[in-house]
């Protein structure tokens, strides 16, 4: 009885350990997928992730296995045998998480590759945002040649029959001038005579204009008054003194 109960306990413990190990493996795998955010992207036309050009095909997006920086995105090929590029993204936030992966694109000019803007993992509010490319790649557009359809046989035959049935225009005779009119026209034509005319004699250059001799300035009617009255006043004073001296001598005599 004891051996049976001991065997049952061992079986129970073994079963519980097996369940725990299986549950741990399942939880580890789920955490691993949630940790690196592995997502497969399939595009039917070329795109750009920053300055990395990706032709149409299938690619794998994953986060770098780093606990310090959770915004380093790695891009692999379809089989994950070759890493195409490693890009440092910017944190992005959305209010309502979606149940599937989301890829948002920038608006680019016509004729250029589409530029990836943001990537959100299913159920996450925070995602990865990629800056706008510095250099957009031009798409190669093949110009379609315009082909002109050849005319059908029935149309060609109908055109040929119409051309054959159309009568040819009758040429209008050109009136010929009479002999008298021709002679009159000849007599009215101007006759040019070649003359050996001598070259014109060059005209003599006119003599330079003569400058008239300078004329003397006319004398003024009245001479300018340049003398000073002070000498006259002095002379009058001397005469007065001489007369006074003469009178004085007469009185004393």
Protein backbone atom coordinates (compact mmCIF):
# COMPACT_ATOMS: atom_id res chain seq x y z
CA UNK A 1 0.00 0.00 0.00
CA UNK A 2 2.83 2.33 0.88
CA UNK A 3 4.72 1.47 -2.28
CA UNK A 4 1.67 2.22 -4.37
CA UNK A 5 1.12 5.59 -2.71
CA UNK A 6 4.83 6.44 -3.09
CA UNK A 7 4.69 5.61 -6.79
CA UNK A 8 1.60 7.79 -7.17
CA UNK A 9 3.35 10.71 -5.44
CA UNK A 10 6.38 10.33 -7.70
CA UNK A 11 4.21 10.23 -10.77
CA UNK A 12 2.37 13.34 -9.59
CA UNK A 13 5.62 15.21 -8.93
CA UNK A 14 7.04 14.14 -12.30
CA UNK A 15 3.88 15.28 -14.08
CA UNK A 16 3.87 18.64 -12.32
CA UNK A 17 7.55 19.19 -13.14
CA UNK A 18 6.94 18.36 -16.77
CA UNK A 19 4.02 20.77 -16.93
CA UNK A 20 6.10 23.48 -15.28
CA UNK A 21 9.00 22.98 -17.67
CA UNK A 22 6.66 23.04 -20.67
CA UNK A 23 4.95 26.17 -19.37
CA UNK A 24 8.34 27.81 -18.80
CA UNK A 25 9.43 27.04 -22.35
CA UNK A 26 6.20 28.47 -23.75
CA UNK A 27 6.48 31.60 -21.64
CA UNK A 28 10.12 32.09 -22.68
CA UNK A 29 9.26 31.86 -26.38
CA UNK A 30 6.40 34.31 -26.03
CA UNK A 31 8.65 36.73 -24.14
CA UNK A 32 11.38 36.32 -26.77
CA UNK A 33 8.96 37.22 -29.60
CA UNK A 34 7.64 40.15 -27.60
CA UNK A 35 11.18 41.23 -26.74
CA UNK A 36 12.65 41.64 -30.24
CA UNK A 37 9.30 42.65 -31.88
CA UNK A 38 10.04 40.48 -34.91
CA UNK A 39 7.76 41.55 -37.78
CA UNK A 40 7.67 40.52 -41.45
CA UNK A 41 6.99 43.28 -43.97
CA UNK A 42 6.04 42.52 -47.58
CA UNK A 43 6.07 45.40 -50.08
CA UNK A 44 5.05 45.35 -53.74
CA UNK A 45 6.96 48.55 -54.63
CA UNK A 46 10.28 50.07 -53.59
CA UNK A 47 10.41 51.92 -50.26
CA UNK A 48 12.99 53.83 -48.25
CA UNK A 49 13.75 53.53 -44.54
CA UNK A 50 15.64 56.77 -43.94
CA UNK A 51 18.35 56.61 -46.68
CA UNK A 52 18.21 52.80 -47.08
CA UNK A 53 16.57 51.75 -50.37
CA UNK A 54 14.53 48.53 -50.26
CA UNK A 55 13.25 47.07 -53.54
CA UNK A 56 9.95 45.25 -53.69
CA UNK A 57 10.09 42.04 -51.65
CA UNK A 58 9.86 40.64 -48.12
CA UNK A 59 11.89 41.90 -45.13
CA UNK A 60 12.16 41.20 -41.38
CA UNK A 61 12.17 44.05 -38.84
CA UNK A 62 13.56 43.37 -35.36
CA UNK A 63 14.77 45.36 -32.36
CA UNK A 64 18.39 45.05 -31.31
CA UNK A 65 18.90 42.72 -28.33
CA UNK A 66 19.73 45.53 -25.92
CA UNK A 67 18.10 46.46 -22.62
CA UNK A 68 19.55 50.01 -22.54
CA UNK A 69 18.23 51.27 -25.89
CA UNK A 70 14.94 49.86 -27.22
CA UNK A 71 14.84 51.99 -30.38
CA UNK A 72 17.56 50.41 -32.52
CA UNK A 73 15.88 48.67 -35.48
CA UNK A 74 17.58 45.98 -37.55
CA UNK A 75 16.38 45.14 -41.07
CA UNK A 76 17.07 41.64 -42.41
CA UNK A 77 16.36 39.88 -45.67
CA UNK A 78 13.58 37.34 -45.92
CA UNK A 79 15.63 34.39 -44.58
CA UNK A 80 17.41 36.51 -41.92
CA UNK A 81 20.76 35.43 -43.33
CA UNK A 82 21.90 38.98 -44.09
CA UNK A 83 21.39 42.20 -42.15
CA UNK A 84 20.62 45.08 -44.51
CA UNK A 85 20.87 48.03 -42.14
CA UNK A 86 20.74 49.06 -38.47
CA UNK A 87 18.83 52.32 -37.86
CA UNK A 88 18.48 54.41 -34.71
CA UNK A 89 14.77 55.29 -34.52
CA UNK A 90 12.83 57.88 -32.49
CA UNK A 91 10.15 56.92 -29.92
CA UNK A 92 6.59 57.36 -31.23
CA UNK A 93 3.30 57.10 -29.33
CA UNK A 94 -0.28 56.25 -30.31
CA UNK A 95 -3.36 56.52 -28.11
CA UNK A 96 -5.14 53.36 -29.24
CA UNK A 97 -2.96 50.28 -29.84
CA UNK A 98 -3.95 48.04 -32.72
CA UNK A 99 -4.19 44.28 -32.83
CA UNK A 100 -1.88 44.02 -35.84
CA UNK A 101 1.39 45.52 -37.04
CA UNK A 102 1.18 49.05 -38.40
CA UNK A 103 3.50 50.71 -40.93
CA UNK A 104 2.97 54.41 -41.64
CA UNK A 105 4.60 56.29 -44.52
CA UNK A 106 5.68 59.89 -45.20
CA UNK A 107 4.20 61.89 -48.08
CA UNK A 108 6.75 61.95 -50.92
CA UNK A 109 6.69 63.67 -54.35
CA UNK A 110 5.38 61.68 -57.32
CA UNK A 111 7.99 59.53 -59.05
CA UNK A 112 9.97 58.84 -55.84
CA UNK A 113 10.07 55.85 -53.50
CA UNK A 114 7.71 55.79 -50.50
CA UNK A 115 9.43 56.63 -47.20
CA UNK A 116 8.62 54.59 -44.06
CA UNK A 117 7.66 56.86 -41.14
CA UNK A 118 6.62 54.66 -38.18
CA UNK A 119 6.34 51.02 -37.11
CA UNK A 120 4.05 49.78 -34.30
CA UNK A 121 4.10 46.23 -32.96
CA UNK A 122 0.64 44.68 -32.27
CA UNK A 123 -0.78 45.85 -28.92
CA UNK A 124 1.93 48.49 -28.27
CA UNK A 125 1.34 52.17 -27.62
CA UNK A 126 4.99 53.01 -28.21
CA UNK A 127 6.51 52.44 -31.61
CA UNK A 128 9.53 53.35 -33.74
CA UNK A 129 9.62 56.48 -35.89
CA UNK A 130 12.10 56.91 -38.77
CA UNK A 131 13.27 60.38 -39.89
CA UNK A 132 12.46 61.71 -43.34
CA UNK A 133 15.12 60.68 -45.90
CA UNK A 134 17.73 63.26 -46.84
CA UNK A 135 17.91 61.94 -50.41
CA UNK A 136 14.82 60.41 -52.04
CA UNK A 137 15.38 57.74 -54.67
CA UNK A 138 13.83 58.38 -58.07
CA UNK A 139 11.76 55.51 -59.46
CA UNK A 140 12.61 54.23 -62.93
CA UNK A 141 9.51 54.68 -65.07
CA UNK A 142 9.61 53.09 -68.47
CA UNK A 143 8.06 55.31 -71.09
CA UNK A 144 5.46 53.41 -73.07
CA UNK A 145 5.98 53.71 -76.80
CA UNK A 146 2.94 54.89 -78.71
CA UNK A 147 2.25 52.54 -81.61
CA UNK A 148 0.33 53.79 -84.63
CA UNK A 149 -1.95 51.06 -86.07
CA UNK A 150 -1.43 50.27 -89.75
CA UNK A 151 -4.41 50.82 -92.07
CA UNK A 152 -6.47 47.76 -92.84
CA UNK A 153 -6.50 46.13 -96.28
CA UNK A 154 -10.05 47.16 -97.01
CA UNK A 155 -9.30 50.82 -96.27
CA UNK A 156 -6.17 50.79 -98.46
CA UNK A 157 -8.02 49.17 -101.36
CA UNK A 158 -10.89 51.62 -101.00
CA UNK A 159 -8.48 54.57 -101.04
CA UNK A 160 -6.73 53.21 -104.14
CA UNK A 161 -10.04 52.68 -105.96
CA UNK A 162 -11.18 56.20 -105.09
CA UNK A 163 -7.92 57.64 -106.41
CA UNK A 164 -8.25 55.68 -109.66
CA UNK A 165 -11.88 56.69 -110.14
CA UNK A 166 -11.16 60.39 -109.62
CA UNK A 167 -10.64 62.14 -113.04
CA UNK A 168 -7.37 63.91 -113.60
CA UNK A 169 -7.62 67.70 -113.83
CA UNK A 170 -7.34 69.14 -117.37
CA UNK A 171 -4.32 71.47 -117.65
CA UNK A 172 -5.27 75.04 -118.56
CA UNK A 173 -3.33 76.37 -121.59
CA UNK A 174 -1.17 79.35 -120.86
CA UNK A 175 -1.69 82.20 -123.38
CA UNK A 176 1.45 82.99 -125.38
CA UNK A 177 2.25 86.66 -125.98
CA UNK A 178 2.24 87.84 -129.58
CA UNK A 179 5.34 89.04 -131.44
CA UNK A 180 4.17 92.68 -131.46
CA UNK A 181 3.62 92.65 -127.70
CA UNK A 182 7.06 91.15 -127.18
CA UNK A 183 8.72 93.87 -129.29
CA UNK A 184 6.80 96.61 -127.44
CA UNK A 185 7.87 95.19 -124.10
CA UNK A 186 11.47 95.06 -125.26
CA UNK A 187 11.33 98.69 -126.38
CA UNK A 188 9.87 99.81 -123.04
CA UNK A 189 12.63 98.20 -120.96
CA UNK A 190 15.09 100.76 -119.56
CA UNK A 191 18.55 100.58 -121.08
CA UNK A 192 21.45 100.96 -118.71
CA UNK A 193 24.54 102.63 -120.21
CA UNK A 194 27.89 102.03 -118.65
CA UNK A 195 29.68 105.35 -118.33
CA UNK A 196 33.25 105.84 -117.25
CA UNK A 197 32.57 108.81 -115.00
CA UNK A 198 35.64 110.33 -113.29
CA UNK A 199 35.68 110.23 -109.55
CA UNK A 200 34.40 113.39 -107.87
CA UNK A 201 37.05 115.96 -106.98
CA UNK A 202 37.43 116.22 -103.23
CA UNK A 203 36.33 119.57 -101.94
CA UNK A 204 38.96 121.78 -100.35
CA UNK A 205 38.77 122.03 -96.63
CA UNK A 206 37.49 125.44 -95.45
CA UNK A 207 40.16 127.68 -93.87
CA UNK A 208 40.14 127.86 -90.12
CA UNK A 209 38.27 130.85 -88.72
CA UNK A 210 40.53 133.87 -87.99
CA UNK A 211 40.48 135.32 -84.54
CA UNK A 212 40.00 139.16 -84.62
CA UNK A 213 42.83 141.14 -82.95
CA UNK A 214 42.09 142.36 -79.45
CA UNK A 215 40.80 145.94 -79.37
CA UNK A 216 42.09 148.40 -76.73
CA UNK A 217 39.75 149.27 -73.96
CA UNK A 218 38.19 152.78 -74.28
CA UNK A 219 39.53 155.48 -71.99
CA UNK A 220 37.17 156.55 -69.27
CA UNK A 221 35.62 160.01 -69.56
CA UNK A 222 36.65 160.95 -66.01
CA UNK A 223 39.80 159.83 -64.37
CA UNK A 224 39.33 158.04 -61.14
CA UNK A 225 39.95 159.97 -58.04
CA UNK A 226 43.12 158.43 -56.60
CA UNK A 227 44.76 161.42 -54.74
CA UNK A 228 44.35 162.11 -51.02
CA UNK A 229 43.27 165.59 -49.63
CA UNK A 230 45.78 165.47 -46.76
CA UNK A 231 48.76 166.98 -48.72
CA UNK A 232 46.59 169.96 -49.73
CA UNK A 233 45.54 170.54 -46.16
CA UNK A 234 49.19 170.43 -45.04
CA UNK A 235 50.23 172.91 -47.72
CA UNK A 236 47.48 175.32 -46.67
CA UNK A 237 48.69 175.09 -43.09
CA UNK A 238 52.25 175.99 -44.08
CA UNK A 239 51.03 178.99 -46.11
CA UNK A 240 49.02 180.18 -43.09
CA UNK A 241 52.07 179.91 -40.84
CA UNK A 242 54.20 181.87 -43.34
CA UNK A 243 51.62 184.68 -43.52
CA UNK A 244 51.39 184.78 -39.74
CA UNK A 245 55.19 185.08 -39.48
CA UNK A 246 55.27 187.96 -42.00
CA UNK A 247 52.52 189.84 -40.14
CA UNK A 248 54.31 189.33 -36.85
CA UNK A 249 57.54 190.78 -38.19
CA UNK A 250 55.68 193.85 -39.50
CA UNK A 251 54.08 194.47 -36.18
CA UNK A 252 57.33 194.19 -34.28
CA UNK A 253 59.12 196.49 -36.68
